[in-house]
Amino acid sequence: MCLAVPMMIKSVDGYAAVCEAKGIEREVSLFMLQDEPLAPGDHVLVHVGYAIQKVSEEEARLTWELFEEILEHA
């Protein structure tokens, strides 16, 4: 099973970005989204260090709500 985590872009430097989720920051490659305009404040789905899809803030929030609900019942 593959899992992508929604993260917010904090800064962009070429094809690299610093992204944040739940207080954790990670360096993320934007190489797979090089044709997508991305800027700080945008949300992306991150899988193994690569941003694979741009998502809305609402989609990111809803995804985190689902993750939290799953963890409550685990």
PDB file of N, CA and C in Angstrom:
ATOM      1  N   MET A   1       0.838  -1.167   0.000  1.00  0.00           N
ATOM      2  CA  MET A   1       0.000   0.000   0.000  1.00  0.00           C
ATOM      3  C   MET A   1       0.890   1.239   0.000  1.00  0.00           C
ATOM      4  N   CYS A   2       0.518   2.208  -0.771  1.00  0.00           N
ATOM      5  CA  CYS A   2       1.242   3.482  -0.819  1.00  0.00           C
ATOM      6  C   CYS A   2       0.460   4.531  -0.048  1.00  0.00           C
ATOM      7  N   LEU A   3       1.187   5.414   0.595  1.00  0.00           N
ATOM      8  CA  LEU A   3       0.541   6.466   1.367  1.00  0.00           C
ATOM      9  C   LEU A   3       1.209   7.794   1.049  1.00  0.00           C
ATOM     10  N   ALA A   4       0.427   8.769   0.676  1.00  0.00           N
ATOM     11  CA  ALA A   4       0.930  10.123   0.441  1.00  0.00           C
ATOM     12  C   ALA A   4       0.360  11.023   1.527  1.00  0.00           C
ATOM     13  N   VAL A   5       1.212  11.885   2.045  1.00  0.00           N
ATOM     14  CA  VAL A   5       0.849  12.745   3.160  1.00  0.00           C
ATOM     15  C   VAL A   5       0.717  14.182   2.664  1.00  0.00           C
ATOM     16  N   PRO A   6      -0.381  14.858   2.986  1.00  0.00           N
ATOM     17  CA  PRO A   6      -0.508  16.257   2.590  1.00  0.00           C
ATOM     18  C   PRO A   6       0.412  17.148   3.430  1.00  0.00           C
ATOM     19  N   MET A   7       1.124  18.028   2.739  1.00  0.00           N
ATOM     20  CA  MET A   7       2.030  18.958   3.410  1.00  0.00           C
ATOM     21  C   MET A   7       1.891  20.327   2.776  1.00  0.00           C
ATOM     22  N   MET A   8       2.191  21.367   3.563  1.00  0.00           N
ATOM     23  CA  MET A   8       2.155  22.731   3.048  1.00  0.00           C
ATOM     24  C   MET A   8       3.575  23.174   2.710  1.00  0.00           C
ATOM     25  N   ILE A   9       3.722  23.792   1.557  1.00  0.00           N
ATOM     26  CA  ILE A   9       5.027  24.293   1.132  1.00  0.00           C
ATOM     27  C   ILE A   9       5.355  25.551   1.940  1.00  0.00           C
ATOM     28  N   LYS A  10       6.529  25.534   2.568  1.00  0.00           N
ATOM     29  CA  LYS A  10       7.001  26.690   3.338  1.00  0.00           C
ATOM     30  C   LYS A  10       7.933  27.559   2.497  1.00  0.00           C
ATOM     31  N   SER A  11       8.791  26.915   1.677  1.00  0.00           N
ATOM     32  CA  SER A  11       9.706  27.653   0.813  1.00  0.00           C
ATOM     33  C   SER A  11      10.063  26.786  -0.389  1.00  0.00           C
ATOM     34  N   VAL A  12      10.423  27.448  -1.479  1.00  0.00           N
ATOM     35  CA  VAL A  12      10.774  26.760  -2.724  1.00  0.00           C
ATOM     36  C   VAL A  12      12.128  27.267  -3.197  1.00  0.00           C
ATOM     37  N   ASP A  13      12.975  26.319  -3.618  1.00  0.00           N
ATOM     38  CA  ASP A  13      14.280  26.640  -4.185  1.00  0.00           C
ATOM     39  C   ASP A  13      14.494  25.712  -5.378  1.00  0.00           C
ATOM     40  N   GLY A  14      14.128  26.178  -6.562  1.00  0.00           N
ATOM     41  CA  GLY A  14      14.224  25.330  -7.755  1.00  0.00           C
ATOM     42  C   GLY A  14      13.243  24.181  -7.664  1.00  0.00           C
ATOM     43  N   TYR A  15      13.782  22.942  -7.737  1.00  0.00           N
ATOM     44  CA  TYR A  15      12.930  21.758  -7.628  1.00  0.00           C
ATOM     45  C   TYR A  15      12.910  21.187  -6.218  1.00  0.00           C
ATOM     46  N   ALA A  16      13.355  21.971  -5.245  1.00  0.00           N
ATOM     47  CA  ALA A  16      13.335  21.541  -3.844  1.00  0.00           C
ATOM     48  C   ALA A  16      12.438  22.477  -3.048  1.00  0.00           C
ATOM     49  N   ALA A  17      11.791  21.908  -2.052  1.00  0.00           N
ATOM     50  CA  ALA A  17      10.929  22.715  -1.189  1.00  0.00           C
ATOM     51  C   ALA A  17      11.070  22.232   0.244  1.00  0.00           C
ATOM     52  N   VAL A  18      10.848  23.131   1.166  1.00  0.00           N
ATOM     53  CA  VAL A  18      10.683  22.746   2.562  1.00  0.00           C
ATOM     54  C   VAL A  18       9.181  22.736   2.796  1.00  0.00           C
ATOM     55  N   CYS A  19       8.680  21.577   3.253  1.00  0.00           N
ATOM     56  CA  CYS A  19       7.251  21.417   3.483  1.00  0.00           C
ATOM     57  C   CYS A  19       7.015  21.077   4.946  1.00  0.00           C
ATOM     58  N   GLU A  20       5.798  21.403   5.421  1.00  0.00           N
ATOM     59  CA  GLU A  20       5.462  21.200   6.824  1.00  0.00           C
ATOM     60  C   GLU A  20       4.107  20.529   6.950  1.00  0.00           C
ATOM     61  N   ALA A  21       4.031  19.622   7.925  1.00  0.00           N
ATOM     62  CA  ALA A  21       2.758  18.995   8.297  1.00  0.00           C
ATOM     63  C   ALA A  21       2.815  18.638   9.764  1.00  0.00           C
ATOM     64  N   LYS A  22       1.830  19.064  10.519  1.00  0.00           N
ATOM     65  CA  LYS A  22       1.736  18.734  11.941  1.00  0.00           C
ATOM     66  C   LYS A  22       2.999  19.120  12.706  1.00  0.00           C
ATOM     67  N   GLY A  23       3.617  20.243  12.322  1.00  0.00           N
ATOM     68  CA  GLY A  23       4.796  20.732  13.019  1.00  0.00           C
ATOM     69  C   GLY A  23       6.112  20.095  12.589  1.00  0.00           C
ATOM     70  N   ILE A  24       6.063  19.170  11.647  1.00  0.00           N
ATOM     71  CA  ILE A  24       7.261  18.492  11.149  1.00  0.00           C
ATOM     72  C   ILE A  24       7.624  19.083   9.793  1.00  0.00           C
ATOM     73  N   GLU A  25       8.879  19.469   9.618  1.00  0.00           N
ATOM     74  CA  GLU A  25       9.347  19.993   8.335  1.00  0.00           C
ATOM     75  C   GLU A  25      10.233  18.963   7.649  1.00  0.00           C
ATOM     76  N   ARG A  26      10.098  18.867   6.335  1.00  0.00           N
ATOM     77  CA  ARG A  26      10.890  17.953   5.528  1.00  0.00           C
ATOM     78  C   ARG A  26      11.280  18.646   4.232  1.00  0.00           C
ATOM     79  N   GLU A  27      12.444  18.279   3.701  1.00  0.00           N
ATOM     80  CA  GLU A  27      12.801  18.723   2.359  1.00  0.00           C
ATOM     81  C   GLU A  27      12.148  17.765   1.374  1.00  0.00           C
ATOM     82  N   VAL A  28      11.494  18.329   0.369  1.00  0.00           N
ATOM     83  CA  VAL A  28      10.705  17.556  -0.587  1.00  0.00           C
ATOM     84  C   VAL A  28      11.128  17.931  -2.000  1.00  0.00           C
ATOM     85  N   SER A  29      11.220  16.931  -2.869  1.00  0.00           N
ATOM     86  CA  SER A  29      11.521  17.182  -4.280  1.00  0.00           C
ATOM     87  C   SER A  29      10.242  17.572  -5.015  1.00  0.00           C
ATOM     88  N   LEU A  30      10.339  18.633  -5.801  1.00  0.00           N
ATOM     89  CA  LEU A  30       9.211  19.064  -6.637  1.00  0.00           C
ATOM     90  C   LEU A  30       9.387  18.617  -8.084  1.00  0.00           C
ATOM     91  N   PHE A  31      10.386  17.783  -8.345  1.00  0.00           N
ATOM     92  CA  PHE A  31      10.734  17.396  -9.708  1.00  0.00           C
ATOM     93  C   PHE A  31       9.543  16.824 -10.473  1.00  0.00           C
ATOM     94  N   MET A  32       8.722  16.023  -9.828  1.00  0.00           N
ATOM     95  CA  MET A  32       7.597  15.393 -10.520  1.00  0.00           C
ATOM     96  C   MET A  32       6.482  16.382 -10.846  1.00  0.00           C
ATOM     97  N   LEU A  33       6.525  17.572 -10.260  1.00  0.00           N
ATOM     98  CA  LEU A  33       5.503  18.592 -10.517  1.00  0.00           C
ATOM     99  C   LEU A  33       6.105  19.819 -11.179  1.00  0.00           C
ATOM    100  N   GLN A  34       7.164  19.622 -11.956  1.00  0.00           N
ATOM    101  CA  GLN A  34       7.879  20.765 -12.518  1.00  0.00           C
ATOM    102  C   GLN A  34       7.034  21.617 -13.460  1.00  0.00           C
ATOM    103  N   ASP A  35       5.945  21.100 -13.997  1.00  0.00           N
ATOM    104  CA  ASP A  35       5.075  21.894 -14.867  1.00  0.00           C
ATOM    105  C   ASP A  35       3.931  22.560 -14.101  1.00  0.00           C
ATOM    106  N   GLU A  36       3.874  22.323 -12.792  1.00  0.00           N
ATOM    107  CA  GLU A  36       2.809  22.878 -11.947  1.00  0.00           C
ATOM    108  C   GLU A  36       3.344  24.117 -11.225  1.00  0.00           C
ATOM    109  N   PRO A  37       2.644  25.236 -11.307  1.00  0.00           N
ATOM    110  CA  PRO A  37       3.108  26.414 -10.552  1.00  0.00           C
ATOM    111  C   PRO A  37       2.907  26.179  -9.050  1.00  0.00           C
ATOM    112  N   LEU A  38       4.005  26.198  -8.290  1.00  0.00           N
ATOM    113  CA  LEU A  38       3.948  25.955  -6.858  1.00  0.00           C
ATOM    114  C   LEU A  38       4.619  27.103  -6.115  1.00  0.00           C
ATOM    115  N   ALA A  39       4.057  27.457  -4.970  1.00  0.00           N
ATOM    116  CA  ALA A  39       4.578  28.573  -4.186  1.00  0.00           C
ATOM    117  C   ALA A  39       4.333  28.296  -2.708  1.00  0.00           C
ATOM    118  N   PRO A  40       5.044  28.998  -1.836  1.00  0.00           N
ATOM    119  CA  PRO A  40       4.772  28.855  -0.405  1.00  0.00           C
ATOM    120  C   PRO A  40       3.283  29.068  -0.114  1.00  0.00           C
ATOM    121  N   GLY A  41       2.759  28.216   0.746  1.00  0.00           N
ATOM    122  CA  GLY A  41       1.331  28.258   1.069  1.00  0.00           C
ATOM    123  C   GLY A  41       0.521  27.226   0.321  1.00  0.00           C
ATOM    124  N   ASP A  42       1.050  26.716  -0.799  1.00  0.00           N
ATOM    125  CA  ASP A  42       0.370  25.651  -1.537  1.00  0.00           C
ATOM    126  C   ASP A  42       0.488  24.341  -0.771  1.00  0.00           C
ATOM    127  N   HIS A  43      -0.436  23.424  -1.052  1.00  0.00           N
ATOM    128  CA  HIS A  43      -0.429  22.107  -0.427  1.00  0.00           C
ATOM    129  C   HIS A  43      -0.156  21.051  -1.490  1.00  0.00           C
ATOM    130  N   VAL A  44       0.648  20.060  -1.111  1.00  0.00           N
ATOM    131  CA  VAL A  44       0.992  18.964  -2.013  1.00  0.00           C
ATOM    132  C   VAL A  44       0.891  17.645  -1.260  1.00  0.00           C
ATOM    133  N   LEU A  45       0.662  16.572  -2.018  1.00  0.00           N
ATOM    134  CA  LEU A  45       0.737  15.230  -1.450  1.00  0.00           C
ATOM    135  C   LEU A  45       2.171  14.763  -1.621  1.00  0.00           C
ATOM    136  N   VAL A  46       2.771  14.254  -0.533  1.00  0.00           N
ATOM    137  CA  VAL A  46       4.174  13.845  -0.546  1.00  0.00           C
ATOM    138  C   VAL A  46       4.258  12.345  -0.301  1.00  0.00           C
ATOM    139  N   HIS A  47       4.992  11.674  -1.186  1.00  0.00           N
ATOM    140  CA  HIS A  47       5.230  10.234  -1.075  1.00  0.00           C
ATOM    141  C   HIS A  47       6.726   9.991  -1.214  1.00  0.00           C
ATOM    142  N   VAL A  48       7.322   9.367  -0.222  1.00  0.00           N
ATOM    143  CA  VAL A  48       8.765   9.075  -0.152  1.00  0.00           C
ATOM    144  C   VAL A  48       9.642  10.240  -0.596  1.00  0.00           C
ATOM    145  N   GLY A  49       9.310  11.436  -0.126  1.00  0.00           N
ATOM    146  CA  GLY A  49      10.149  12.602  -0.382  1.00  0.00           C
ATOM    147  C   GLY A  49       9.861  13.352  -1.670  1.00  0.00           C
ATOM    148  N   TYR A  50       8.872  12.920  -2.418  1.00  0.00           N
ATOM    149  CA  TYR A  50       8.505  13.574  -3.675  1.00  0.00           C
ATOM    150  C   TYR A  50       7.084  14.115  -3.602  1.00  0.00           C
ATOM    151  N   ALA A  51       6.900  15.356  -4.012  1.00  0.00           N
ATOM    152  CA  ALA A  51       5.549  15.899  -4.163  1.00  0.00           C
ATOM    153  C   ALA A  51       4.971  15.276  -5.426  1.00  0.00           C
ATOM    154  N   ILE A  52       3.823  14.623  -5.292  1.00  0.00           N
ATOM    155  CA  ILE A  52       3.253  13.916  -6.444  1.00  0.00           C
ATOM    156  C   ILE A  52       1.977  14.555  -6.974  1.00  0.00           C
ATOM    157  N   GLN A  53       1.376  15.458  -6.197  1.00  0.00           N
ATOM    158  CA  GLN A  53       0.135  16.094  -6.646  1.00  0.00           C
ATOM    159  C   GLN A  53      -0.120  17.350  -5.832  1.00  0.00           C
ATOM    160  N   LYS A  54      -0.569  18.396  -6.479  1.00  0.00           N
ATOM    161  CA  LYS A  54      -0.999  19.607  -5.784  1.00  0.00           C
ATOM    162  C   LYS A  54      -2.450  19.401  -5.364  1.00  0.00           C
ATOM    163  N   VAL A  55      -2.784  19.799  -4.131  1.00  0.00           N
ATOM    164  CA  VAL A  55      -4.149  19.670  -3.629  1.00  0.00           C
ATOM    165  C   VAL A  55      -4.569  20.985  -2.987  1.00  0.00           C
ATOM    166  N   SER A  56      -5.846  21.132  -2.804  1.00  0.00           N
ATOM    167  CA  SER A  56      -6.353  22.344  -2.148  1.00  0.00           C
ATOM    168  C   SER A  56      -6.126  22.247  -0.641  1.00  0.00           C
ATOM    169  N   GLU A  57      -6.202  23.384   0.023  1.00  0.00           N
ATOM    170  CA  GLU A  57      -6.081  23.405   1.481  1.00  0.00           C
ATOM    171  C   GLU A  57      -7.175  22.554   2.115  1.00  0.00           C
ATOM    172  N   GLU A  58      -8.376  22.608   1.555  1.00  0.00           N
ATOM    173  CA  GLU A  58      -9.487  21.820   2.090  1.00  0.00           C
ATOM    174  C   GLU A  58      -9.228  20.323   1.942  1.00  0.00           C
ATOM    175  N   GLU A  59      -8.714  19.890   0.780  1.00  0.00           N
ATOM    176  CA  GLU A  59      -8.399  18.472   0.589  1.00  0.00           C
ATOM    177  C   GLU A  59      -7.337  18.011   1.588  1.00  0.00           C
ATOM    178  N   ALA A  60      -6.342  18.851   1.820  1.00  0.00           N
ATOM    179  CA  ALA A  60      -5.301  18.514   2.793  1.00  0.00           C
ATOM    180  C   ALA A  60      -5.904  18.373   4.189  1.00  0.00           C
ATOM    181  N   ARG A  61      -6.741  19.314   4.577  1.00  0.00           N
ATOM    182  CA  ARG A  61      -7.374  19.274   5.905  1.00  0.00           C
ATOM    183  C   ARG A  61      -8.243  18.039   6.068  1.00  0.00           C
ATOM    184  N   LEU A  62      -9.063  17.731   5.055  1.00  0.00           N
ATOM    185  CA  LEU A  62      -9.939  16.557   5.124  1.00  0.00           C
ATOM    186  C   LEU A  62      -9.133  15.265   5.213  1.00  0.00           C
ATOM    187  N   THR A  63      -8.026  15.200   4.502  1.00  0.00           N
ATOM    188  CA  THR A  63      -7.176  14.009   4.552  1.00  0.00           C
ATOM    189  C   THR A  63      -6.620  13.815   5.948  1.00  0.00           C
ATOM    190  N   TRP A  64      -6.131  14.908   6.573  1.00  0.00           N
ATOM    191  CA  TRP A  64      -5.616  14.792   7.933  1.00  0.00           C
ATOM    192  C   TRP A  64      -6.722  14.391   8.909  1.00  0.00           C
ATOM    193  N   GLU A  65      -7.931  14.879   8.708  1.00  0.00           N
ATOM    194  CA  GLU A  65      -9.052  14.482   9.575  1.00  0.00           C
ATOM    195  C   GLU A  65      -9.312  12.983   9.462  1.00  0.00           C
ATOM    196  N   LEU A  66      -9.232  12.447   8.241  1.00  0.00           N
ATOM    197  CA  LEU A  66      -9.419  11.004   8.050  1.00  0.00           C
ATOM    198  C   LEU A  66      -8.300  10.206   8.714  1.00  0.00           C
ATOM    199  N   PHE A  67      -7.046  10.656   8.556  1.00  0.00           N
ATOM    200  CA  PHE A  67      -5.922   9.981   9.210  1.00  0.00           C
ATOM    201  C   PHE A  67      -6.135   9.939  10.716  1.00  0.00           C
ATOM    202  N   GLU A  68      -6.552  11.056  11.308  1.00  0.00           N
ATOM    203  CA  GLU A  68      -6.751  11.131  12.754  1.00  0.00           C
ATOM    204  C   GLU A  68      -7.878  10.213  13.193  1.00  0.00           C
ATOM    205  N   GLU A  69      -8.944  10.133  12.392  1.00  0.00           N
ATOM    206  CA  GLU A  69     -10.059   9.236  12.717  1.00  0.00           C
ATOM    207  C   GLU A  69      -9.611   7.780  12.679  1.00  0.00           C
ATOM    208  N   ILE A  70      -8.823   7.438  11.693  1.00  0.00           N
ATOM    209  CA  ILE A  70      -8.309   6.066  11.591  1.00  0.00           C
ATOM    210  C   ILE A  70      -7.444   5.729  12.813  1.00  0.00           C
ATOM    211  N   LEU A  71      -6.577   6.660  13.209  1.00  0.00           N
ATOM    212  CA  LEU A  71      -5.691   6.418  14.349  1.00  0.00           C
ATOM    213  C   LEU A  71      -6.466   6.288  15.656  1.00  0.00           C
ATOM    214  N   GLU A  72      -7.591   6.982  15.768  1.00  0.00           N
ATOM    215  CA  GLU A  72      -8.412   6.864  16.974  1.00  0.00           C
ATOM    216  C   GLU A  72      -8.960   5.459  17.136  1.00  0.00           C
ATOM    217  N   HIS A  73      -9.197   4.771  16.036  1.00  0.00           N
ATOM    218  CA  HIS A  73      -9.811   3.439  16.078  1.00  0.00           C
ATOM    219  C   HIS A  73      -8.792   2.310  15.929  1.00  0.00           C
ATOM    220  N   ALA A  74      -7.528   2.672  15.881  1.00  0.00           N
ATOM    221  CA  ALA A  74      -6.491   1.642  15.687  1.00  0.00           C
ATOM    222  C   ALA A  74      -6.137   0.972  16.996  1.00  0.00           C
TER     223      ALA A  74
END
